[in-house]
N, C-alpha and C. Protein backbone atom coordinates (compact mmCIF):
# COMPACT_ATOMS: atom_id res chain seq x y z
N UNK A 1 -233.95 -2.00 50.44
CA UNK A 1 -233.10 -1.49 51.23
C UNK A 1 -231.62 -1.34 51.27
N UNK A 2 -231.07 -2.28 50.69
CA UNK A 2 -229.86 -2.32 50.58
C UNK A 2 -229.12 -1.39 49.66
N UNK A 3 -229.95 -0.87 48.46
CA UNK A 3 -229.61 0.20 47.55
C UNK A 3 -229.56 1.39 48.17
N UNK A 4 -230.48 1.76 49.08
CA UNK A 4 -230.61 2.89 50.04
C UNK A 4 -229.20 2.99 50.68
N UNK A 5 -229.00 1.81 51.27
CA UNK A 5 -227.73 2.05 52.30
C UNK A 5 -226.48 2.25 51.30
N UNK A 6 -226.09 1.81 50.24
CA UNK A 6 -225.12 2.00 49.19
C UNK A 6 -225.06 3.52 48.87
N UNK A 7 -226.14 4.00 48.58
CA UNK A 7 -226.32 5.47 48.25
C UNK A 7 -225.81 6.21 49.31
N UNK A 8 -226.41 6.09 50.38
CA UNK A 8 -225.95 6.51 51.95
C UNK A 8 -224.47 6.88 51.74
N UNK A 9 -223.94 5.67 51.72
CA UNK A 9 -222.44 5.61 51.69
C UNK A 9 -221.67 6.33 50.72
N UNK A 10 -222.17 6.34 49.39
CA UNK A 10 -221.79 7.16 48.56
C UNK A 10 -222.02 8.71 48.89
N UNK A 11 -223.17 9.11 49.35
CA UNK A 11 -223.27 10.46 49.56
C UNK A 11 -222.30 10.92 50.64
N UNK A 12 -222.10 10.21 51.61
CA UNK A 12 -221.43 10.54 52.73
C UNK A 12 -219.87 10.53 52.15
N UNK A 13 -219.26 9.62 51.48
CA UNK A 13 -218.07 9.59 50.77
C UNK A 13 -217.78 10.81 50.02
N UNK A 14 -218.84 11.32 49.18
CA UNK A 14 -218.76 12.52 48.44
C UNK A 14 -218.59 13.68 49.16
N UNK A 15 -219.31 13.75 50.27
CA UNK A 15 -219.23 14.90 51.23
C UNK A 15 -218.00 14.92 51.92
N UNK A 16 -217.58 13.66 52.39
CA UNK A 16 -216.38 13.88 53.32
C UNK A 16 -215.06 14.05 52.22
N UNK A 17 -215.19 13.38 51.21
CA UNK A 17 -213.98 14.10 50.11
C UNK A 17 -214.09 15.52 49.80
N UNK A 18 -215.28 16.06 49.51
CA UNK A 18 -215.34 17.40 49.29
C UNK A 18 -214.95 18.18 50.68
N UNK A 19 -215.22 17.83 51.74
CA UNK A 19 -214.78 18.64 52.98
C UNK A 19 -213.18 18.68 53.08
N UNK A 20 -212.80 17.34 52.82
CA UNK A 20 -211.32 17.22 53.00
C UNK A 20 -210.56 18.14 52.01
N UNK A 21 -210.97 18.43 50.65
CA UNK A 21 -210.64 19.04 49.41
C UNK A 21 -210.70 20.51 49.97
N UNK A 22 -211.86 20.77 50.55
CA UNK A 22 -212.02 22.52 50.72
C UNK A 22 -210.99 22.71 51.73
N UNK A 23 -210.69 22.09 52.87
CA UNK A 23 -209.93 22.22 54.08
C UNK A 23 -208.47 22.33 53.62
N UNK A 24 -208.06 21.29 52.76
CA UNK A 24 -206.76 21.26 52.18
C UNK A 24 -206.55 22.48 51.41
N UNK A 25 -207.43 22.90 50.72
CA UNK A 25 -207.09 24.09 49.99
C UNK A 25 -206.96 25.40 50.64
N UNK A 26 -207.95 25.47 51.79
CA UNK A 26 -207.68 26.59 52.63
C UNK A 26 -206.43 26.65 53.16
N UNK A 27 -206.07 25.55 53.77
CA UNK A 27 -204.74 25.42 54.57
C UNK A 27 -203.58 25.92 53.37
N UNK A 28 -203.63 25.28 52.44
CA UNK A 28 -202.52 25.56 51.43
C UNK A 28 -202.44 27.01 50.79
N UNK A 29 -203.54 27.73 50.83
CA UNK A 29 -203.59 29.22 50.53
C UNK A 29 -203.34 30.05 51.44
N UNK A 30 -203.64 29.39 52.63
CA UNK A 30 -203.39 30.64 53.85
C UNK A 30 -201.80 30.42 54.26
N UNK A 31 -201.24 29.09 54.18
CA UNK A 31 -199.76 28.99 54.41
C UNK A 31 -199.16 29.57 53.20
N UNK A 32 -199.45 29.98 52.10
CA UNK A 32 -198.93 30.50 51.20
C UNK A 32 -198.71 31.79 51.48
N UNK A 33 -199.54 32.56 52.12
CA UNK A 33 -199.61 33.97 52.58
C UNK A 33 -198.49 34.26 53.50
N UNK A 34 -198.00 33.28 54.24
CA UNK A 34 -196.97 33.34 55.23
C UNK A 34 -195.69 33.71 54.57
N UNK A 35 -194.99 34.79 54.72
CA UNK A 35 -193.71 35.07 54.25
C UNK A 35 -192.85 35.49 55.46
N UNK A 36 -191.53 35.31 55.25
CA UNK A 36 -190.66 35.72 56.30
C UNK A 36 -190.57 37.18 56.20
N UNK A 37 -190.49 37.94 57.20
CA UNK A 37 -190.32 39.48 57.24
C UNK A 37 -188.98 39.88 56.77
N UNK A 38 -187.90 39.57 57.09
CA UNK A 38 -186.57 39.85 56.74
C UNK A 38 -185.70 38.73 56.40
N UNK A 39 -186.00 38.08 55.25
CA UNK A 39 -185.21 36.88 54.81
C UNK A 39 -183.85 37.14 54.46
N UNK A 40 -183.51 38.42 53.98
CA UNK A 40 -182.15 38.71 53.63
C UNK A 40 -181.73 39.50 55.02
N UNK A 41 -182.02 39.32 56.04
CA UNK A 41 -181.21 39.96 56.99
C UNK A 41 -180.91 41.46 57.07
N UNK A 42 -181.76 42.25 56.22
CA UNK A 42 -181.58 43.59 56.05
C UNK A 42 -181.41 44.45 57.47
N UNK A 43 -182.13 44.01 58.31
CA UNK A 43 -182.50 44.89 59.58
C UNK A 43 -181.24 44.68 60.56
N UNK A 44 -180.38 43.46 60.14
CA UNK A 44 -179.23 43.27 60.84
C UNK A 44 -177.94 43.61 60.48
N UNK A 45 -178.03 44.32 59.30
CA UNK A 45 -176.76 45.13 58.81
C UNK A 45 -176.28 46.19 59.81
N UNK A 46 -175.05 46.39 59.68
CA UNK A 46 -174.59 47.44 60.42
C UNK A 46 -174.92 48.75 59.68
N UNK A 47 -175.37 49.70 60.68
CA UNK A 47 -175.71 51.13 60.37
C UNK A 47 -177.04 51.07 59.66
N UNK A 48 -177.80 50.06 59.98
CA UNK A 48 -179.36 49.96 59.33
C UNK A 48 -180.00 51.18 59.97
N UNK A 49 -179.96 51.36 61.13
CA UNK A 49 -180.80 52.31 61.66
C UNK A 49 -180.64 53.64 61.25
N UNK A 50 -179.23 54.02 61.20
CA UNK A 50 -178.69 55.27 60.78
C UNK A 50 -179.24 55.66 59.32
N UNK A 51 -179.26 54.65 58.45
CA UNK A 51 -179.50 54.80 57.04
C UNK A 51 -181.17 55.01 57.28
N UNK A 52 -181.85 54.32 58.10
CA UNK A 52 -183.23 54.61 58.13
C UNK A 52 -183.75 55.86 58.61
N UNK A 53 -182.83 56.23 59.81
CA UNK A 53 -183.30 57.69 60.25
C UNK A 53 -182.82 58.95 59.19
N UNK A 54 -182.02 58.81 58.32
CA UNK A 54 -181.76 59.56 57.45
C UNK A 54 -182.97 60.17 56.45
N UNK A 55 -183.74 59.08 56.27
CA UNK A 55 -184.95 59.13 55.41
C UNK A 55 -186.07 59.81 56.32
N UNK A 56 -185.84 60.26 57.53
CA UNK A 56 -186.96 60.86 58.45
C UNK A 56 -186.98 62.40 58.82
N UNK A 57 -187.89 62.80 59.08
CA UNK A 57 -187.96 64.10 59.93
C UNK A 57 -188.38 63.68 61.13
N UNK A 58 -187.67 63.39 62.13
CA UNK A 58 -187.99 63.08 63.36
C UNK A 58 -187.68 64.20 64.53
N UNK A 59 -188.56 64.39 65.44
CA UNK A 59 -188.30 65.12 66.42
C UNK A 59 -187.46 64.49 67.73
N UNK A 60 -186.44 65.05 68.04
CA UNK A 60 -185.48 64.60 68.93
C UNK A 60 -186.21 65.13 70.41
N UNK A 61 -187.36 65.34 70.53
CA UNK A 61 -187.75 65.91 71.90
C UNK A 61 -188.97 65.05 72.27
N UNK A 62 -189.37 63.99 71.49
CA UNK A 62 -190.58 63.31 71.79
C UNK A 62 -190.24 61.93 71.05
N UNK A 63 -190.59 60.75 71.79
CA UNK A 63 -190.75 59.40 71.14
C UNK A 63 -191.48 59.32 69.92
N UNK A 64 -191.24 58.58 68.87
CA UNK A 64 -192.03 58.48 67.53
C UNK A 64 -192.19 57.04 67.23
N UNK A 65 -193.43 56.59 66.82
CA UNK A 65 -193.78 55.44 66.04
C UNK A 65 -193.89 55.80 64.66
N UNK A 66 -193.05 55.13 63.61
CA UNK A 66 -193.01 55.16 62.29
C UNK A 66 -193.66 53.94 61.80
N UNK A 67 -194.85 53.92 61.16
CA UNK A 67 -195.44 52.96 60.29
C UNK A 67 -195.19 53.06 59.21
N UNK A 68 -194.70 52.00 58.29
CA UNK A 68 -194.47 52.10 56.87
C UNK A 68 -195.25 50.75 56.26
N UNK A 69 -196.17 51.51 55.30
CA UNK A 69 -197.16 50.72 54.67
C UNK A 69 -196.75 50.85 53.10
N UNK A 70 -197.63 50.09 52.48
CA UNK A 70 -197.50 49.85 50.92
C UNK A 70 -198.95 49.89 50.36
N UNK A 71 -199.10 50.86 49.47
CA UNK A 71 -200.62 51.14 49.17
C UNK A 71 -201.16 50.05 48.65
N UNK A 72 -200.54 49.17 47.67
CA UNK A 72 -200.96 48.12 46.80
C UNK A 72 -200.84 46.96 47.68
N UNK A 73 -200.47 46.77 48.92
CA UNK A 73 -200.27 45.37 49.81
C UNK A 73 -201.36 44.98 50.39
N UNK A 74 -201.66 43.77 50.12
CA UNK A 74 -202.91 43.20 50.60
C UNK A 74 -203.07 43.13 52.08
N UNK A 75 -201.68 43.07 52.53
CA UNK A 75 -201.54 42.53 53.94
C UNK A 75 -201.72 44.11 54.75
N UNK A 76 -201.52 45.21 54.01
CA UNK A 76 -201.57 46.52 54.79
C UNK A 76 -203.03 46.58 54.79
N UNK A 77 -203.97 46.09 53.71
CA UNK A 77 -205.36 46.41 53.93
C UNK A 77 -205.88 45.36 54.88
N UNK A 78 -205.31 44.37 55.31
CA UNK A 78 -205.85 43.32 56.37
C UNK A 78 -205.53 44.05 57.53
N UNK A 79 -204.48 44.44 57.86
CA UNK A 79 -203.67 45.37 59.00
C UNK A 79 -204.39 46.70 59.45
N UNK A 80 -205.19 47.39 58.60
CA UNK A 80 -205.59 48.51 58.61
C UNK A 80 -206.31 48.91 59.94
N UNK A 81 -207.31 48.11 60.49
CA UNK A 81 -207.54 48.11 61.81
C UNK A 81 -206.58 48.25 62.66
N UNK A 82 -205.64 47.34 62.64
CA UNK A 82 -204.86 47.29 63.79
C UNK A 82 -203.80 48.71 63.44
N UNK A 83 -203.64 48.94 62.43
CA UNK A 83 -202.78 50.34 62.26
C UNK A 83 -203.39 51.31 62.90
N UNK A 84 -204.79 51.52 62.58
CA UNK A 84 -205.65 52.64 63.27
C UNK A 84 -205.62 52.43 64.72
N UNK A 85 -205.73 51.32 65.29
CA UNK A 85 -205.55 51.01 66.65
C UNK A 85 -204.22 51.54 67.24
N UNK A 86 -203.28 51.21 66.61
CA UNK A 86 -201.93 51.48 66.95
C UNK A 86 -201.45 53.15 67.12
N UNK A 87 -202.02 53.40 66.13
CA UNK A 87 -201.99 55.10 65.99
C UNK A 87 -202.66 55.67 67.23
N UNK A 88 -203.89 55.36 67.53
CA UNK A 88 -204.48 55.79 68.78
C UNK A 88 -203.66 55.41 69.84
N UNK A 89 -203.24 54.19 70.13
CA UNK A 89 -202.55 53.80 71.48
C UNK A 89 -201.14 54.53 71.58
N UNK A 90 -200.49 54.65 70.70
CA UNK A 90 -199.28 55.58 70.58
C UNK A 90 -199.46 56.90 70.71
N UNK A 91 -200.46 57.41 70.28
CA UNK A 91 -200.96 58.71 70.69
C UNK A 91 -201.27 58.97 72.03
N UNK A 92 -201.94 58.13 72.53
CA UNK A 92 -202.58 58.22 73.85
C UNK A 92 -201.41 57.98 75.00
N UNK A 93 -200.19 57.51 74.47
CA UNK A 93 -199.00 56.94 75.31
C UNK A 93 -198.05 58.43 75.25
N UNK A 94 -198.30 59.28 74.29
CA UNK A 94 -197.44 60.44 74.17
C UNK A 94 -196.27 60.41 73.12
N UNK A 95 -196.56 59.49 72.25
CA UNK A 95 -195.53 59.11 71.13
C UNK A 95 -196.05 59.91 69.73
N UNK A 96 -195.26 60.43 69.07
CA UNK A 96 -195.64 61.23 67.68
C UNK A 96 -195.78 60.06 66.85
N UNK A 97 -196.89 60.12 66.05
CA UNK A 97 -196.87 58.96 64.74
C UNK A 97 -196.72 59.57 63.65
N UNK A 98 -196.14 58.73 62.75
CA UNK A 98 -195.95 59.05 61.20
C UNK A 98 -196.22 57.90 60.57
N UNK A 99 -196.92 57.85 59.48
CA UNK A 99 -197.21 56.86 58.66
C UNK A 99 -196.50 57.24 57.21
N UNK A 100 -195.80 56.17 56.81
CA UNK A 100 -195.13 56.66 55.32
C UNK A 100 -195.30 55.48 54.57
N UNK A 101 -195.41 56.07 53.22
CA UNK A 101 -195.77 55.19 52.28
C UNK A 101 -194.34 54.43 51.60
N UNK A 102 -194.17 53.36 51.32
CA UNK A 102 -193.06 52.67 50.95
C UNK A 102 -192.31 53.53 49.81
N UNK A 103 -191.36 54.02 49.56
CA UNK A 103 -190.45 54.50 48.52
C UNK A 103 -189.46 53.95 48.26
N UNK A 104 -188.63 54.14 46.97
CA UNK A 104 -187.48 53.59 46.81
C UNK A 104 -186.36 53.50 47.79
N UNK A 105 -186.43 54.98 48.49
CA UNK A 105 -185.44 54.96 49.28
C UNK A 105 -185.65 54.07 50.50
N UNK A 106 -186.87 53.71 51.01
CA UNK A 106 -187.28 53.25 52.14
C UNK A 106 -187.08 51.62 51.78
N UNK A 107 -187.11 51.26 50.44
CA UNK A 107 -187.01 50.00 50.08
C UNK A 107 -185.43 49.49 50.39
N UNK A 108 -184.57 50.31 50.47
CA UNK A 108 -183.19 50.14 50.66
C UNK A 108 -183.09 49.58 52.64
N UNK A 109 -184.13 50.21 53.40
CA UNK A 109 -183.94 50.09 54.59
C UNK A 109 -185.05 49.06 55.39
N UNK A 110 -186.24 48.90 54.54
CA UNK A 110 -187.26 48.11 55.18
C UNK A 110 -187.57 46.92 54.36
N UNK A 111 -187.44 45.59 54.72
CA UNK A 111 -187.55 44.52 54.09
C UNK A 111 -188.98 44.09 53.65
N UNK A 112 -189.95 44.54 54.51
CA UNK A 112 -191.22 44.21 54.18
C UNK A 112 -192.09 45.13 54.64
N UNK A 113 -193.75 45.22 54.51
CA UNK A 113 -194.57 46.01 54.76
C UNK A 113 -195.79 44.88 55.30
N UNK A 114 -196.55 45.57 56.13
CA UNK A 114 -196.48 46.78 57.20
C UNK A 114 -195.39 46.51 58.04
N UNK A 115 -194.86 47.51 58.40
CA UNK A 115 -193.52 47.49 59.32
C UNK A 115 -193.67 48.65 60.27
N UNK A 116 -192.95 48.56 61.35
CA UNK A 116 -192.94 49.64 62.28
C UNK A 116 -191.74 49.84 62.93
N UNK A 117 -191.28 51.22 63.02
CA UNK A 117 -189.78 51.63 63.83
C UNK A 117 -190.31 52.67 64.87
N UNK A 118 -189.71 52.14 66.02
CA UNK A 118 -189.85 53.11 67.19
C UNK A 118 -188.61 53.66 67.60
N UNK A 119 -188.80 55.17 67.72
CA UNK A 119 -187.57 56.07 68.21
C UNK A 119 -187.85 56.66 69.39
N UNK A 120 -186.88 56.60 70.33
CA UNK A 120 -187.11 57.44 71.63
C UNK A 120 -186.87 58.76 71.45
N UNK A 121 -187.28 59.54 72.40
CA UNK A 121 -186.99 60.74 72.43
C UNK A 121 -185.60 61.45 72.18
N UNK A 122 -184.55 60.67 72.43
CA UNK A 122 -183.19 60.94 72.00
C UNK A 122 -182.70 60.76 70.67
N UNK A 123 -183.80 60.17 69.78
CA UNK A 123 -183.53 59.51 68.62
C UNK A 123 -182.66 58.20 68.38
N UNK A 124 -183.05 57.47 69.65
CA UNK A 124 -182.15 56.19 69.87
C UNK A 124 -183.03 55.15 69.49
N UNK A 125 -182.74 53.98 68.80
CA UNK A 125 -183.46 52.79 68.52
C UNK A 125 -184.08 52.21 69.52
N UNK A 126 -185.51 51.87 69.52
CA UNK A 126 -186.33 51.18 70.35
C UNK A 126 -186.75 49.76 69.64
N UNK A 127 -187.25 50.20 68.49
CA UNK A 127 -188.03 48.73 67.89
C UNK A 127 -187.88 48.62 66.36
N UNK A 128 -187.84 47.80 65.76
CA UNK A 128 -188.00 47.59 64.30
C UNK A 128 -188.44 46.46 63.98
N UNK A 129 -189.38 46.21 62.92
CA UNK A 129 -189.99 44.89 62.73
C UNK A 129 -191.45 45.14 62.11
N UNK A 130 -192.12 43.95 62.15
CA UNK A 130 -193.39 43.92 61.75
C UNK A 130 -194.48 44.54 62.82
N UNK A 131 -195.58 45.01 62.26
CA UNK A 131 -196.64 45.32 63.29
C UNK A 131 -197.04 43.99 64.13
N UNK A 132 -196.90 42.92 63.56
CA UNK A 132 -197.38 41.67 64.11
C UNK A 132 -197.08 40.54 63.39
N UNK A 133 -197.49 39.43 63.85
CA UNK A 133 -197.01 38.29 63.06
C UNK A 133 -198.26 37.18 62.81
N UNK A 134 -198.31 36.28 62.07
CA UNK A 134 -199.12 35.45 61.89
C UNK A 134 -200.03 35.77 60.42
N UNK A 135 -200.84 34.89 60.14
CA UNK A 135 -201.84 34.95 58.91
C UNK A 135 -202.18 36.53 58.94
N UNK A 136 -203.28 36.90 59.88
CA UNK A 136 -204.01 38.07 59.56
C UNK A 136 -203.22 39.26 60.02
N UNK A 137 -201.89 39.26 60.43
CA UNK A 137 -201.09 40.38 61.13
C UNK A 137 -202.15 41.30 61.84
N UNK A 138 -202.87 40.75 62.68
CA UNK A 138 -203.86 41.56 63.55
C UNK A 138 -203.41 41.93 64.91
N UNK A 139 -204.03 42.75 65.55
CA UNK A 139 -203.77 43.15 66.77
C UNK A 139 -203.55 42.24 67.89
N UNK A 140 -204.25 41.04 67.62
CA UNK A 140 -203.94 40.06 68.73
C UNK A 140 -202.46 39.54 68.75
N UNK A 141 -201.63 39.73 67.88
CA UNK A 141 -200.42 39.23 67.88
C UNK A 141 -199.28 40.14 67.60
N UNK A 142 -199.41 41.38 67.95
CA UNK A 142 -198.63 42.56 67.78
C UNK A 142 -197.45 42.68 69.01
N UNK A 143 -196.38 43.18 68.52
CA UNK A 143 -195.22 43.37 69.29
C UNK A 143 -195.03 45.02 69.71
N UNK A 144 -195.72 45.76 68.79
CA UNK A 144 -195.39 47.28 68.80
C UNK A 144 -196.09 47.65 70.30
N UNK A 145 -197.27 47.04 70.48
CA UNK A 145 -198.02 47.76 71.73
C UNK A 145 -197.26 47.31 73.05
N UNK A 146 -196.65 46.15 72.89
CA UNK A 146 -195.59 46.11 74.25
C UNK A 146 -194.47 46.90 74.20
N UNK A 147 -193.90 47.03 73.35
CA UNK A 147 -192.69 47.92 73.01
C UNK A 147 -193.02 49.32 73.74
N UNK A 148 -194.10 49.77 73.14
CA UNK A 148 -194.62 51.35 73.59
C UNK A 148 -194.76 51.22 74.95
N UNK A 149 -195.68 50.24 75.44
CA UNK A 149 -196.01 50.33 76.95
C UNK A 149 -194.55 50.21 77.72
N UNK A 150 -193.45 49.30 77.42
CA UNK A 150 -192.38 49.41 77.89
C UNK A 150 -191.57 50.61 77.91
N UNK A 151 -191.50 51.44 76.65
CA UNK A 151 -190.98 52.57 76.49
C UNK A 151 -191.60 53.73 77.56
N UNK A 152 -193.04 53.67 77.73
CA UNK A 152 -193.56 54.65 78.42
C UNK A 152 -193.15 54.46 80.03
N UNK A 153 -192.89 53.12 80.28
CA UNK A 153 -192.41 52.93 81.64
C UNK A 153 -191.00 53.01 81.92
N UNK A 154 -190.38 53.48 80.89
CA UNK A 154 -188.79 53.96 80.95
C UNK A 154 -187.94 52.68 80.67
N UNK A 155 -188.44 51.81 79.94
CA UNK A 155 -187.48 50.90 79.41
C UNK A 155 -187.44 50.50 77.91
N UNK A 156 -186.12 50.84 77.34
CA UNK A 156 -186.07 50.62 76.02
C UNK A 156 -185.59 49.15 75.68
N UNK A 157 -186.20 48.65 75.11
CA UNK A 157 -185.93 47.01 74.78
C UNK A 157 -184.93 47.01 73.64
N UNK A 158 -184.78 47.96 72.90
CA UNK A 158 -183.95 47.68 71.59
C UNK A 158 -184.24 46.48 70.85
N UNK A 159 -185.52 46.21 70.57
CA UNK A 159 -186.09 45.00 69.94
C UNK A 159 -186.12 45.00 68.57
N UNK A 160 -185.52 44.12 67.87
CA UNK A 160 -185.32 43.86 66.55
C UNK A 160 -186.18 42.69 66.12
N UNK A 161 -187.08 42.66 65.61
CA UNK A 161 -188.04 41.53 64.99
C UNK A 161 -187.53 41.13 63.46
N UNK A 162 -186.87 40.15 63.07
CA UNK A 162 -186.58 39.77 61.79
C UNK A 162 -186.95 38.72 61.41
N UNK A 163 -186.76 37.79 62.41
CA UNK A 163 -186.99 36.26 62.02
C UNK A 163 -188.61 35.76 62.48
N UNK A 164 -189.56 36.40 61.77
CA UNK A 164 -190.81 35.90 61.95
C UNK A 164 -191.55 35.89 60.51
N UNK A 165 -192.58 35.07 60.72
CA UNK A 165 -193.44 34.94 59.41
C UNK A 165 -195.00 35.42 59.75
N UNK A 166 -195.57 35.99 58.42
CA UNK A 166 -196.92 36.54 58.67
C UNK A 166 -197.23 37.06 57.39
N UNK A 167 -198.09 37.82 57.35
CA UNK A 167 -198.77 38.38 55.95
C UNK A 167 -198.13 39.54 55.75
N UNK A 168 -197.00 39.55 54.94
CA UNK A 168 -195.91 40.86 54.65
C UNK A 168 -195.92 40.81 52.91
N UNK A 169 -195.81 42.08 52.70
CA UNK A 169 -195.48 42.34 51.12
C UNK A 169 -193.92 42.61 51.27
N UNK A 170 -193.28 41.46 50.67
CA UNK A 170 -191.65 41.62 50.75
C UNK A 170 -191.17 42.78 49.95
N UNK A 171 -190.51 43.58 49.94
CA UNK A 171 -189.95 44.57 49.27
C UNK A 171 -188.99 44.28 48.43
N UNK A 172 -188.88 44.66 47.35
CA UNK A 172 -187.59 44.37 46.41
C UNK A 172 -186.90 45.52 45.94
N UNK A 173 -185.66 45.48 46.04
CA UNK A 173 -184.94 46.60 45.50
C UNK A 173 -184.55 46.64 44.08
């Protein structure tokens, strides 16, 4: 009986060590995905918005949601359901929606993807930053929905989100 007890302790020890190793590995790899959205403070530079607008064809008669994605970015793929939901939400609130692929010129104005910029009907700045924050960059942690709701209620928040971490593909110039 005593040997059976020792083997049970050994099995429990091995299972516990395996469990701790797996959980530690998952946490390590998930936290490795968290990247700052705008570590270089690109969005806080003077005339950033004007530089960004020069690369767009924006109507000054209707507010616009511009979503910037990068085709080979895993974070864009993770956020695809959120992007689809945002597009439908923005259209239902009367905003024009543009989805742009990251280009060399946009790399000069967008620090990471997926990103969003909201422009009001007068061409003024409303929001710039990520679609959301956190590991999955999902719709549960989004900023854009709140800003769109505020804008349609007549409030321009002029919200700039640069200091956040999430699943982002950092652009390099």
